[in-house]
Amino acid sequence: MSKLTITVLLGLLIAFTGASGEDIPASQLLLVAKTQDVQPFLPKGTYLLHDPVAIEKFFEALDGAPPDWAELHGKHGDRHEERLFALNRERDLSRAGRPALSQRITFLWEGVLSRYMPDHAGFLVAVGPETILTRWGQVRFKPESLPAELLAVPLPDLKESLRAQVARGESIKVLAAMTGELVPNEALIYDFAHEDPSQGMIMPMVRVEQIDYLLISP
């Protein structure tokens, strides 16, 4: 996972504020042994998309095969916007009706606990997007919208310990497991990475229905 600083994460949290008029209720902060043990804590029937192999398999069910990024980009990158537009339109139409389009999925973002909210007995959570390298290209999940505030409520026996650590300025890392379904008309957006204009990027657009917070035990 990318090691985002707390400053960047808080900035991203501010950027998301007001992104949705409908808040997702606060979720309990769950303690798990390691990232590989996340699946049992997720909603039943969801497909966890965090491992590159799982993501590639899911994309194959949706779109068959990755595009030819070199051909899309061209020798000098000229007119690649037109080719991308045509590709996205073509694939939006071709994947319609495929079962994977309605599969419930979960993706993970790394975050940190922020300010404690006494009225809610929980912590605000600052999150940041993660980029995953696959054979299809870089993958970055995009939620269609997020609630104005992300709130994680720890178990009583964890609360005071976490409050003390946050008060000391310690960074408490958590995973935000975001569950929902792809936006049907633009499930996967094909583009090129801003950092490397020749590097292909795929952005699954997810309508988030539930967020679970996971604290990895030391």
Protein backbone atom coordinates (compact mmCIF):
# COMPACT_ATOMS: atom_id res chain seq x y z
CA MET A 1 0.00 0.00 0.00
CA SER A 2 1.10 3.54 -0.63
CA LYS A 3 2.31 5.30 2.52
CA LEU A 4 0.27 8.47 2.46
CA THR A 5 1.03 11.13 5.00
CA ILE A 6 -1.65 12.27 7.38
CA THR A 7 -1.53 15.75 5.86
CA VAL A 8 -2.39 14.43 2.41
CA LEU A 9 -5.10 12.19 3.79
CA LEU A 10 -6.74 15.03 5.66
CA GLY A 11 -6.61 17.11 2.53
CA LEU A 12 -8.36 14.36 0.63
CA LEU A 13 -10.99 14.12 3.34
CA ILE A 14 -11.69 17.83 2.95
CA ALA A 15 -11.91 17.38 -0.81
CA PHE A 16 -14.59 14.73 -0.37
CA THR A 17 -16.66 16.82 2.07
CA GLY A 18 -20.02 17.59 0.58
CA ALA A 19 -19.56 15.09 -2.24
CA SER A 20 -22.85 13.43 -1.41
CA GLY A 21 -26.11 14.67 0.03
CA GLU A 22 -26.74 11.33 1.67
CA ASP A 23 -24.57 10.14 4.53
CA ILE A 24 -23.68 6.51 5.04
CA PRO A 25 -24.27 5.59 8.71
CA ALA A 26 -21.28 5.25 11.01
CA SER A 27 -19.69 1.81 10.94
CA GLN A 28 -17.99 -0.16 13.66
CA LEU A 29 -14.21 -0.27 13.61
CA LEU A 30 -13.33 -3.97 13.47
CA LEU A 31 -10.04 -5.56 14.51
CA VAL A 32 -8.49 -8.05 12.09
CA ALA A 33 -5.23 -9.98 12.25
CA LYS A 34 -3.91 -9.06 8.79
CA THR A 35 -5.05 -7.70 5.45
CA GLN A 36 -5.47 -11.20 4.03
CA ASP A 37 -8.16 -11.89 6.66
CA VAL A 38 -10.47 -9.09 5.51
CA GLN A 39 -12.95 -11.21 3.50
CA PRO A 40 -14.88 -12.76 6.47
CA PHE A 41 -15.64 -9.25 7.78
CA LEU A 42 -17.19 -8.05 4.52
CA PRO A 43 -20.87 -8.27 3.51
CA LYS A 44 -21.89 -11.70 2.24
CA GLY A 45 -21.77 -12.18 -1.51
CA THR A 46 -19.29 -9.39 -2.19
CA TYR A 47 -16.22 -9.89 -4.37
CA LEU A 48 -13.07 -8.38 -2.88
CA LEU A 49 -11.03 -6.55 -5.52
CA HIS A 50 -7.66 -5.82 -3.97
CA ASP A 51 -5.35 -8.48 -5.33
CA PRO A 52 -4.24 -7.84 -8.96
CA VAL A 53 -5.24 -11.37 -10.01
CA ALA A 54 -8.78 -10.95 -8.68
CA ILE A 55 -9.08 -7.58 -10.42
CA GLU A 56 -7.87 -8.99 -13.73
CA LYS A 57 -10.32 -11.88 -13.53
CA PHE A 58 -13.16 -9.48 -12.84
CA PHE A 59 -12.18 -7.23 -15.73
CA GLU A 60 -12.07 -10.24 -18.05
CA ALA A 61 -15.67 -11.04 -17.12
CA LEU A 62 -16.63 -7.45 -17.90
CA ASP A 63 -14.57 -6.54 -20.97
CA GLY A 64 -12.78 -9.65 -22.18
CA ALA A 65 -9.26 -8.31 -22.72
CA PRO A 66 -7.28 -5.15 -22.00
CA PRO A 67 -6.92 -2.57 -24.76
CA ASP A 68 -3.75 -2.09 -26.77
CA TRP A 69 -2.43 0.88 -24.80
CA ALA A 70 0.45 1.54 -27.20
CA GLU A 71 -1.94 1.77 -30.14
CA LEU A 72 -4.31 3.98 -28.16
CA HIS A 73 -1.53 6.35 -27.18
CA GLY A 74 0.10 6.55 -30.61
CA LYS A 75 3.72 7.39 -31.34
CA HIS A 76 3.44 10.96 -30.14
CA GLY A 77 0.29 10.79 -28.03
CA ASP A 78 -1.60 12.85 -30.60
CA ARG A 79 -5.38 12.44 -30.81
CA HIS A 80 -5.39 9.77 -28.09
CA GLU A 81 -8.35 11.57 -26.46
CA GLU A 82 -10.49 10.70 -29.48
CA ARG A 83 -9.38 7.06 -29.41
CA LEU A 84 -10.06 6.84 -25.66
CA PHE A 85 -13.52 8.31 -26.11
CA ALA A 86 -14.33 5.76 -28.82
CA LEU A 87 -12.96 2.89 -26.71
CA ASN A 88 -14.97 3.88 -23.62
CA ARG A 89 -18.17 4.25 -25.62
CA GLU A 90 -17.65 0.90 -27.36
CA ARG A 91 -16.99 -0.98 -24.12
CA ASP A 92 -19.87 0.67 -22.26
CA LEU A 93 -22.19 -0.73 -24.92
CA SER A 94 -20.57 -4.18 -25.22
CA ARG A 95 -20.62 -5.02 -21.48
CA ALA A 96 -24.32 -4.22 -21.03
CA GLY A 97 -26.18 -7.22 -19.60
CA ARG A 98 -23.10 -9.13 -18.47
CA PRO A 99 -23.55 -10.69 -15.01
CA ALA A 100 -20.34 -9.15 -13.64
CA LEU A 101 -21.86 -5.71 -14.13
CA SER A 102 -24.29 -6.33 -11.26
CA GLN A 103 -21.81 -8.18 -9.01
CA ARG A 104 -21.43 -6.60 -5.59
CA ILE A 105 -17.77 -5.66 -5.10
CA THR A 106 -15.53 -4.28 -2.35
CA PHE A 107 -12.35 -2.25 -2.74
CA LEU A 108 -9.94 -1.07 -0.04
CA TRP A 109 -8.53 2.36 0.64
CA GLU A 110 -5.93 3.09 3.29
CA GLY A 111 -6.81 5.74 5.86
CA VAL A 112 -6.02 7.11 9.29
CA LEU A 113 -8.12 7.92 12.34
CA SER A 114 -8.60 11.63 12.74
CA ARG A 115 -10.50 13.74 15.29
CA TYR A 116 -12.54 11.95 17.96
CA MET A 117 -16.26 12.84 17.92
CA PRO A 118 -17.66 12.46 21.48
CA ASP A 119 -21.29 12.81 20.37
CA HIS A 120 -20.86 9.79 18.09
CA ALA A 121 -18.34 7.84 20.20
CA GLY A 122 -16.21 7.45 17.09
CA PHE A 123 -13.38 8.86 15.00
CA LEU A 124 -13.46 10.73 11.72
CA VAL A 125 -11.55 8.76 9.12
CA ALA A 126 -9.36 10.41 6.48
CA VAL A 127 -8.87 8.25 3.39
CA GLY A 128 -6.91 8.39 0.19
CA PRO A 129 -7.19 6.49 -3.12
CA GLU A 130 -4.84 3.63 -3.92
CA THR A 131 -3.35 2.64 -7.26
CA ILE A 132 -2.93 -1.08 -7.98
CA LEU A 133 -0.68 -2.31 -10.78
CA THR A 134 -2.19 -5.10 -12.92
CA ARG A 135 -1.58 -6.65 -16.33
CA TRP A 136 -4.40 -4.45 -17.62
CA GLY A 137 -2.68 -1.28 -16.44
CA GLN A 138 -2.91 0.82 -13.30
CA VAL A 139 -6.24 0.50 -11.50
CA ARG A 140 -7.72 3.19 -9.28
CA PHE A 141 -11.22 2.75 -7.91
CA LYS A 142 -13.45 5.82 -7.95
CA PRO A 143 -16.51 6.05 -5.68
CA GLU A 144 -19.42 7.76 -7.38
CA SER A 145 -19.86 9.69 -4.13
CA LEU A 146 -18.80 9.54 -0.51
CA PRO A 147 -20.61 10.87 2.57
CA ALA A 148 -19.63 14.23 3.98
CA GLU A 149 -18.03 12.52 6.98
CA LEU A 150 -16.55 9.05 7.36
CA LEU A 151 -17.02 7.86 10.93
CA ALA A 152 -15.64 4.71 12.58
CA VAL A 153 -16.90 3.60 16.00
CA PRO A 154 -14.46 1.35 17.91
CA LEU A 155 -15.38 -1.29 20.43
CA PRO A 156 -15.46 0.07 24.01
CA ASP A 157 -12.28 -1.73 25.05
CA LEU A 158 -10.39 -0.10 22.16
CA LYS A 159 -11.81 3.40 22.35
CA GLU A 160 -9.74 4.91 25.18
CA SER A 161 -6.51 3.41 23.91
CA LEU A 162 -7.11 4.81 20.43
CA ARG A 163 -8.11 8.21 21.83
CA ALA A 164 -4.84 8.39 23.76
CA GLN A 165 -2.78 7.46 20.71
CA VAL A 166 -4.50 10.04 18.51
CA ALA A 167 -4.09 12.68 21.24
CA ARG A 168 -0.33 11.97 21.24
CA GLY A 169 -0.25 12.60 17.51
CA GLU A 170 0.26 8.97 16.56
CA SER A 171 -0.95 7.86 13.15
CA ILE A 172 -3.51 5.04 13.49
CA LYS A 173 -3.85 3.37 10.11
CA VAL A 174 -7.09 1.68 9.10
CA LEU A 175 -8.57 0.14 5.98
CA ALA A 176 -11.82 1.50 4.60
CA ALA A 177 -13.62 -1.36 2.83
CA MET A 178 -16.06 0.22 0.38
CA THR A 179 -18.80 -2.03 -0.94
CA GLY A 180 -21.27 -1.41 -3.74
CA GLU A 181 -21.94 -1.98 -7.43
CA LEU A 182 -20.47 -0.54 -10.58
CA VAL A 183 -22.23 2.41 -12.19
CA PRO A 184 -23.90 0.63 -15.15
CA ASN A 185 -23.33 3.22 -17.88
CA GLU A 186 -19.68 3.91 -17.08
CA ALA A 187 -18.47 0.90 -15.12
CA LEU A 188 -14.84 1.13 -16.25
CA ILE A 189 -13.24 4.33 -17.47
CA TYR A 190 -10.11 3.87 -19.57
CA ASP A 191 -7.57 6.70 -19.47
CA PHE A 192 -3.86 7.43 -19.20
CA ALA A 193 -2.11 8.13 -15.91
CA HIS A 194 -1.35 11.79 -15.23
CA GLU A 195 2.05 10.91 -13.78
CA ASP A 196 3.01 8.92 -16.90
CA PRO A 197 0.97 9.86 -19.99
CA SER A 198 1.91 6.60 -21.72
CA GLN A 199 0.77 4.39 -18.82
CA GLY A 200 -2.74 3.00 -19.15
CA MET A 201 -5.15 3.48 -16.26
CA ILE A 202 -8.55 1.93 -15.56
CA MET A 203 -10.97 3.53 -13.11
CA PRO A 204 -13.90 1.38 -11.95
CA MET A 205 -16.79 3.69 -11.00
CA VAL A 206 -18.49 2.30 -7.87
CA ARG A 207 -21.79 3.35 -6.30
CA VAL A 208 -20.80 2.83 -2.66
CA GLU A 209 -23.55 1.42 -0.43
CA GLN A 210 -21.60 0.42 2.68
CA ILE A 211 -18.28 1.27 4.30
CA ASP A 212 -16.58 -0.94 6.89
CA TYR A 213 -13.47 0.10 8.81
CA LEU A 214 -10.77 -2.42 9.67
CA LEU A 215 -7.90 -1.98 12.09
CA ILE A 216 -5.01 -4.35 11.45
CA SER A 217 -3.73 -5.65 14.77
CA PRO A 218 0.03 -5.20 15.42
